[in-house]
Amino acid sequence: MAANKGNVPNEMKAAQEERTAPKKTESVYTASELADNASVLFKARRECVLAALREAGVQSCTLSRAKELVEKFRKKEVK
């Protein structure tokens, strides 16, 4: 039993640190910023990135969201 009592304060301390630790958030970029770096970030042309974001109605978003949108746009069937 004594061993468990020693762990309780450590667990409480870890829980407290989790609550007070700053949360990691992704940076948000404008469509123009993402498009300016299109060839490096998406291996696509600037116009493709702008079109993908415009079609999704996005003026600014995270890099991961932009990658999803550009990939979806590139895979879209052309009629």
C-alpha atoms as a PDB file:
ATOM      1  CA  MET A   1       0.000   0.000   0.000  1.00  0.00           C
ATOM      2  CA  ALA A   2       2.794   2.415   0.842  1.00  0.00           C
ATOM      3  CA  ALA A   3       4.121   2.214  -2.728  1.00  0.00           C
ATOM      4  CA  ASN A   4       0.764   3.378  -4.115  1.00  0.00           C
ATOM      5  CA  LYS A   5       0.700   6.418  -1.838  1.00  0.00           C
ATOM      6  CA  GLY A   6       4.039   7.519  -3.289  1.00  0.00           C
ATOM      7  CA  ASN A   7       2.697   7.345  -6.848  1.00  0.00           C
ATOM      8  CA  VAL A   8      -0.436   9.366  -6.234  1.00  0.00           C
ATOM      9  CA  PRO A   9       1.285  12.747  -5.875  1.00  0.00           C
ATOM     10  CA  ASN A  10       3.386  12.055  -8.986  1.00  0.00           C
ATOM     11  CA  GLU A  11       0.259  11.190 -10.990  1.00  0.00           C
ATOM     12  CA  MET A  12      -1.480  14.307  -9.750  1.00  0.00           C
ATOM     13  CA  LYS A  13       1.560  16.387 -10.617  1.00  0.00           C
ATOM     14  CA  ALA A  14       1.659  14.922 -14.144  1.00  0.00           C
ATOM     15  CA  ALA A  15      -2.053  15.636 -14.610  1.00  0.00           C
ATOM     16  CA  GLN A  16      -1.550  19.217 -13.417  1.00  0.00           C
ATOM     17  CA  GLU A  17       1.353  19.725 -15.827  1.00  0.00           C
ATOM     18  CA  GLU A  18      -0.782  18.406 -18.712  1.00  0.00           C
ATOM     19  CA  ARG A  19      -3.495  20.955 -17.984  1.00  0.00           C
ATOM     20  CA  THR A  20      -1.091  23.890 -17.712  1.00  0.00           C
ATOM     21  CA  ALA A  21       1.188  22.954 -20.624  1.00  0.00           C
ATOM     22  CA  PRO A  22       0.620  25.095 -23.721  1.00  0.00           C
ATOM     23  CA  LYS A  23      -1.260  23.243 -26.434  1.00  0.00           C
ATOM     24  CA  LYS A  24       0.536  22.823 -29.734  1.00  0.00           C
ATOM     25  CA  THR A  25      -1.424  24.362 -32.558  1.00  0.00           C
ATOM     26  CA  GLU A  26      -0.640  24.520 -36.230  1.00  0.00           C
ATOM     27  CA  SER A  27       0.122  27.836 -37.834  1.00  0.00           C
ATOM     28  CA  VAL A  28      -2.444  29.314 -40.198  1.00  0.00           C
ATOM     29  CA  TYR A  29      -1.356  30.660 -43.580  1.00  0.00           C
ATOM     30  CA  THR A  30      -3.157  32.726 -46.193  1.00  0.00           C
ATOM     31  CA  ALA A  31      -3.950  31.248 -49.581  1.00  0.00           C
ATOM     32  CA  SER A  32      -1.375  33.551 -51.120  1.00  0.00           C
ATOM     33  CA  GLU A  33       1.369  32.385 -48.738  1.00  0.00           C
ATOM     34  CA  LEU A  34       0.578  28.752 -49.484  1.00  0.00           C
ATOM     35  CA  ALA A  35       0.462  29.389 -53.231  1.00  0.00           C
ATOM     36  CA  ASP A  36       3.786  31.241 -53.188  1.00  0.00           C
ATOM     37  CA  ASN A  37       5.421  28.042 -51.909  1.00  0.00           C
ATOM     38  CA  ALA A  38       3.291  25.633 -53.945  1.00  0.00           C
ATOM     39  CA  SER A  39       6.110  23.902 -55.794  1.00  0.00           C
ATOM     40  CA  VAL A  40       7.920  23.039 -52.569  1.00  0.00           C
ATOM     41  CA  LEU A  41       4.942  22.275 -50.319  1.00  0.00           C
ATOM     42  CA  PHE A  42       2.577  20.557 -52.753  1.00  0.00           C
ATOM     43  CA  LYS A  43       4.677  19.765 -55.816  1.00  0.00           C
ATOM     44  CA  ALA A  44       2.055  21.684 -57.764  1.00  0.00           C
ATOM     45  CA  ARG A  45       1.782  24.963 -59.603  1.00  0.00           C
ATOM     46  CA  ARG A  46       0.712  28.134 -57.841  1.00  0.00           C
ATOM     47  CA  GLU A  47      -2.482  28.312 -59.882  1.00  0.00           C
ATOM     48  CA  CYS A  48      -3.482  24.790 -58.837  1.00  0.00           C
ATOM     49  CA  VAL A  49      -3.161  25.618 -55.141  1.00  0.00           C
ATOM     50  CA  LEU A  50      -5.113  28.851 -55.540  1.00  0.00           C
ATOM     51  CA  ALA A  51      -7.860  27.062 -57.480  1.00  0.00           C
ATOM     52  CA  ALA A  52      -8.098  24.265 -54.896  1.00  0.00           C
ATOM     53  CA  LEU A  53      -8.396  26.698 -52.004  1.00  0.00           C
ATOM     54  CA  ARG A  54     -10.823  28.966 -53.869  1.00  0.00           C
ATOM     55  CA  GLU A  55     -13.067  26.014 -54.738  1.00  0.00           C
ATOM     56  CA  ALA A  56     -13.127  24.996 -51.067  1.00  0.00           C
ATOM     57  CA  GLY A  57     -13.956  28.574 -50.057  1.00  0.00           C
ATOM     58  CA  VAL A  58     -10.797  28.865 -47.987  1.00  0.00           C
ATOM     59  CA  GLN A  59      -8.920  32.139 -47.583  1.00  0.00           C
ATOM     60  CA  SER A  60      -6.564  30.862 -44.879  1.00  0.00           C
ATOM     61  CA  CYS A  61      -5.897  27.477 -43.294  1.00  0.00           C
ATOM     62  CA  THR A  62      -3.266  25.210 -41.806  1.00  0.00           C
ATOM     63  CA  LEU A  63      -0.692  23.471 -43.959  1.00  0.00           C
ATOM     64  CA  SER A  64      -2.173  20.032 -43.285  1.00  0.00           C
ATOM     65  CA  ARG A  65      -5.662  21.224 -44.301  1.00  0.00           C
ATOM     66  CA  ALA A  66      -4.255  22.841 -47.445  1.00  0.00           C
ATOM     67  CA  LYS A  67      -2.509  19.597 -48.391  1.00  0.00           C
ATOM     68  CA  GLU A  68      -5.810  17.722 -48.038  1.00  0.00           C
ATOM     69  CA  LEU A  69      -7.635  20.259 -50.201  1.00  0.00           C
ATOM     70  CA  VAL A  70      -4.967  20.338 -52.916  1.00  0.00           C
ATOM     71  CA  GLU A  71      -4.779  16.540 -53.038  1.00  0.00           C
ATOM     72  CA  LYS A  72      -8.574  16.274 -53.303  1.00  0.00           C
ATOM     73  CA  PHE A  73      -8.583  18.916 -56.053  1.00  0.00           C
ATOM     74  CA  ARG A  74      -5.853  17.142 -58.025  1.00  0.00           C
ATOM     75  CA  LYS A  75      -7.707  13.820 -57.853  1.00  0.00           C
ATOM     76  CA  LYS A  76     -10.992  15.361 -58.913  1.00  0.00           C
ATOM     77  CA  GLU A  77     -12.416  13.866 -62.103  1.00  0.00           C
ATOM     78  CA  VAL A  78     -12.383  16.188 -65.098  1.00  0.00           C
ATOM     79  CA  LYS A  79     -15.608  16.105 -67.111  1.00  0.00           C
END
